[in-house]
Amino acid sequence: MEVIGGGPTRSPAATDRDPDEHGRGRLIVASLASRWGTSRRRDRHGCIHWAQIAPD
């Protein structure tokens, strides 16, 4: 799975754990995915978030 976003490239951090603010999606993906990460887009506008979810 791959999603293109306009936000910064960074991993979930302690500051993302506020349930009323941004960052919840990355925490959910990190808990479900077997591998995941982010990379900067070639045009330098935003980033690509990707995840691999292994079958059970």
N, C-alpha and C. Protein backbone atom coordinates (compact mmCIF):
# COMPACT_ATOMS: atom_id res chain seq x y z
N MET A 1 0.86 -1.15 0.00
CA MET A 1 0.00 0.00 0.00
C MET A 1 0.91 1.22 0.00
N GLU A 2 0.50 2.24 -0.74
CA GLU A 2 1.29 3.47 -0.81
C GLU A 2 0.34 4.66 -0.86
N VAL A 3 0.66 5.69 -0.08
CA VAL A 3 -0.16 6.89 -0.03
C VAL A 3 0.75 8.10 -0.16
N ILE A 4 0.37 9.03 -1.02
CA ILE A 4 1.15 10.26 -1.19
C ILE A 4 0.51 11.34 -0.33
N GLY A 5 1.34 11.99 0.49
CA GLY A 5 0.85 13.03 1.38
C GLY A 5 1.63 14.31 1.22
N GLY A 6 1.07 15.38 1.72
CA GLY A 6 1.72 16.67 1.63
C GLY A 6 2.50 17.05 2.86
N GLY A 7 2.50 16.18 3.86
CA GLY A 7 3.18 16.48 5.11
C GLY A 7 4.65 16.13 5.07
N PRO A 8 5.30 16.32 6.20
CA PRO A 8 6.73 16.03 6.30
C PRO A 8 7.01 14.53 6.35
N THR A 9 8.25 14.16 6.05
CA THR A 9 8.64 12.76 6.18
C THR A 9 9.22 12.55 7.57
N ARG A 10 8.48 11.85 8.39
CA ARG A 10 8.96 11.52 9.72
C ARG A 10 8.19 10.34 10.25
N SER A 11 8.76 9.64 11.20
CA SER A 11 8.09 8.49 11.79
C SER A 11 7.27 8.91 13.00
N PRO A 12 6.40 8.02 13.46
CA PRO A 12 5.63 8.36 14.65
C PRO A 12 6.55 8.67 15.82
N ALA A 13 6.21 9.68 16.54
CA ALA A 13 7.00 10.08 17.70
C ALA A 13 6.07 10.25 18.89
N ALA A 14 6.63 10.47 20.03
CA ALA A 14 5.82 10.65 21.25
C ALA A 14 4.87 11.82 21.10
N THR A 15 5.25 12.84 20.33
CA THR A 15 4.38 14.01 20.15
C THR A 15 3.16 13.68 19.30
N ASP A 16 3.21 12.58 18.53
CA ASP A 16 2.09 12.17 17.69
C ASP A 16 1.03 11.39 18.46
N ARG A 17 1.24 11.13 19.71
CA ARG A 17 0.34 10.26 20.47
C ARG A 17 -0.87 10.97 21.06
N ASP A 18 -1.01 12.25 20.86
CA ASP A 18 -2.19 12.97 21.34
C ASP A 18 -3.37 12.55 20.48
N PRO A 19 -4.40 11.89 21.04
CA PRO A 19 -5.50 11.37 20.25
C PRO A 19 -6.35 12.44 19.56
N ASP A 20 -6.21 13.68 19.94
CA ASP A 20 -7.01 14.74 19.33
C ASP A 20 -6.26 15.47 18.22
N GLU A 21 -5.04 15.06 17.93
CA GLU A 21 -4.23 15.76 16.93
C GLU A 21 -3.78 14.82 15.83
N HIS A 22 -2.89 15.29 14.98
CA HIS A 22 -2.38 14.53 13.83
C HIS A 22 -1.48 13.38 14.27
N GLY A 23 -1.26 12.42 13.35
CA GLY A 23 -0.33 11.33 13.60
C GLY A 23 -0.95 10.00 13.93
N ARG A 24 -2.25 9.95 14.13
CA ARG A 24 -2.89 8.68 14.50
C ARG A 24 -2.76 7.65 13.39
N GLY A 25 -2.85 8.07 12.15
CA GLY A 25 -2.77 7.13 11.03
C GLY A 25 -1.45 6.38 10.99
N ARG A 26 -0.37 7.08 11.22
CA ARG A 26 0.94 6.43 11.23
C ARG A 26 1.05 5.43 12.36
N LEU A 27 0.49 5.73 13.50
CA LEU A 27 0.53 4.79 14.63
C LEU A 27 -0.28 3.54 14.33
N ILE A 28 -1.41 3.69 13.67
CA ILE A 28 -2.24 2.54 13.30
C ILE A 28 -1.50 1.68 12.29
N VAL A 29 -0.94 2.30 11.27
CA VAL A 29 -0.19 1.56 10.25
C VAL A 29 0.99 0.83 10.88
N ALA A 30 1.73 1.49 11.75
CA ALA A 30 2.89 0.88 12.39
C ALA A 30 2.49 -0.36 13.20
N SER A 31 1.31 -0.34 13.80
CA SER A 31 0.89 -1.48 14.60
C SER A 31 0.37 -2.64 13.75
N LEU A 32 -0.10 -2.38 12.52
CA LEU A 32 -0.67 -3.42 11.66
C LEU A 32 0.29 -3.96 10.61
N ALA A 33 1.23 -3.16 10.17
CA ALA A 33 2.09 -3.52 9.05
C ALA A 33 3.28 -4.37 9.47
N SER A 34 3.70 -5.24 8.57
CA SER A 34 4.92 -6.01 8.81
C SER A 34 6.15 -5.16 8.50
N ARG A 35 6.03 -4.25 7.56
CA ARG A 35 7.08 -3.27 7.22
C ARG A 35 6.40 -1.99 6.81
N TRP A 36 7.01 -0.85 7.10
CA TRP A 36 6.44 0.43 6.69
C TRP A 36 7.52 1.49 6.74
N GLY A 37 7.25 2.62 6.07
CA GLY A 37 8.21 3.72 6.09
C GLY A 37 7.70 4.92 5.32
N THR A 38 8.54 5.91 5.21
CA THR A 38 8.22 7.11 4.45
C THR A 38 9.43 7.51 3.63
N SER A 39 9.20 8.18 2.53
CA SER A 39 10.28 8.71 1.72
C SER A 39 9.82 10.03 1.09
N ARG A 40 10.77 10.87 0.80
CA ARG A 40 10.47 12.16 0.21
C ARG A 40 10.15 11.98 -1.28
N ARG A 41 9.16 12.71 -1.77
CA ARG A 41 8.80 12.66 -3.19
C ARG A 41 9.91 13.28 -4.03
N ARG A 42 10.03 12.82 -5.25
CA ARG A 42 11.07 13.34 -6.15
C ARG A 42 10.94 14.83 -6.39
N ASP A 43 9.70 15.33 -6.43
CA ASP A 43 9.50 16.76 -6.67
C ASP A 43 9.64 17.59 -5.39
N ARG A 44 9.97 16.91 -4.27
CA ARG A 44 10.22 17.56 -2.97
C ARG A 44 8.98 18.17 -2.33
N HIS A 45 7.78 17.88 -2.86
CA HIS A 45 6.54 18.40 -2.28
C HIS A 45 5.82 17.26 -1.56
N GLY A 46 6.01 17.17 -0.26
CA GLY A 46 5.36 16.13 0.52
C GLY A 46 6.17 14.85 0.56
N CYS A 47 5.48 13.74 0.82
CA CYS A 47 6.17 12.47 0.98
C CYS A 47 5.28 11.31 0.57
N ILE A 48 5.90 10.15 0.51
CA ILE A 48 5.20 8.90 0.21
C ILE A 48 5.25 8.04 1.45
N HIS A 49 4.10 7.62 1.93
CA HIS A 49 4.01 6.69 3.06
C HIS A 49 3.69 5.33 2.46
N TRP A 50 4.42 4.31 2.84
CA TRP A 50 4.17 2.97 2.31
C TRP A 50 4.11 1.95 3.44
N ALA A 51 3.41 0.85 3.18
CA ALA A 51 3.30 -0.21 4.17
C ALA A 51 3.09 -1.55 3.47
N GLN A 52 3.64 -2.59 4.08
CA GLN A 52 3.41 -3.96 3.63
C GLN A 52 2.72 -4.67 4.77
N ILE A 53 1.59 -5.30 4.48
CA ILE A 53 0.85 -6.03 5.49
C ILE A 53 0.88 -7.51 5.10
N ALA A 54 1.51 -8.31 5.94
CA ALA A 54 1.65 -9.74 5.66
C ALA A 54 0.35 -10.46 5.96
N PRO A 55 0.05 -11.49 5.15
CA PRO A 55 -1.15 -12.28 5.44
C PRO A 55 -0.98 -13.05 6.74
N ASP A 56 -2.08 -13.36 7.38
CA ASP A 56 -2.03 -14.12 8.63
C ASP A 56 -1.67 -15.55 8.40
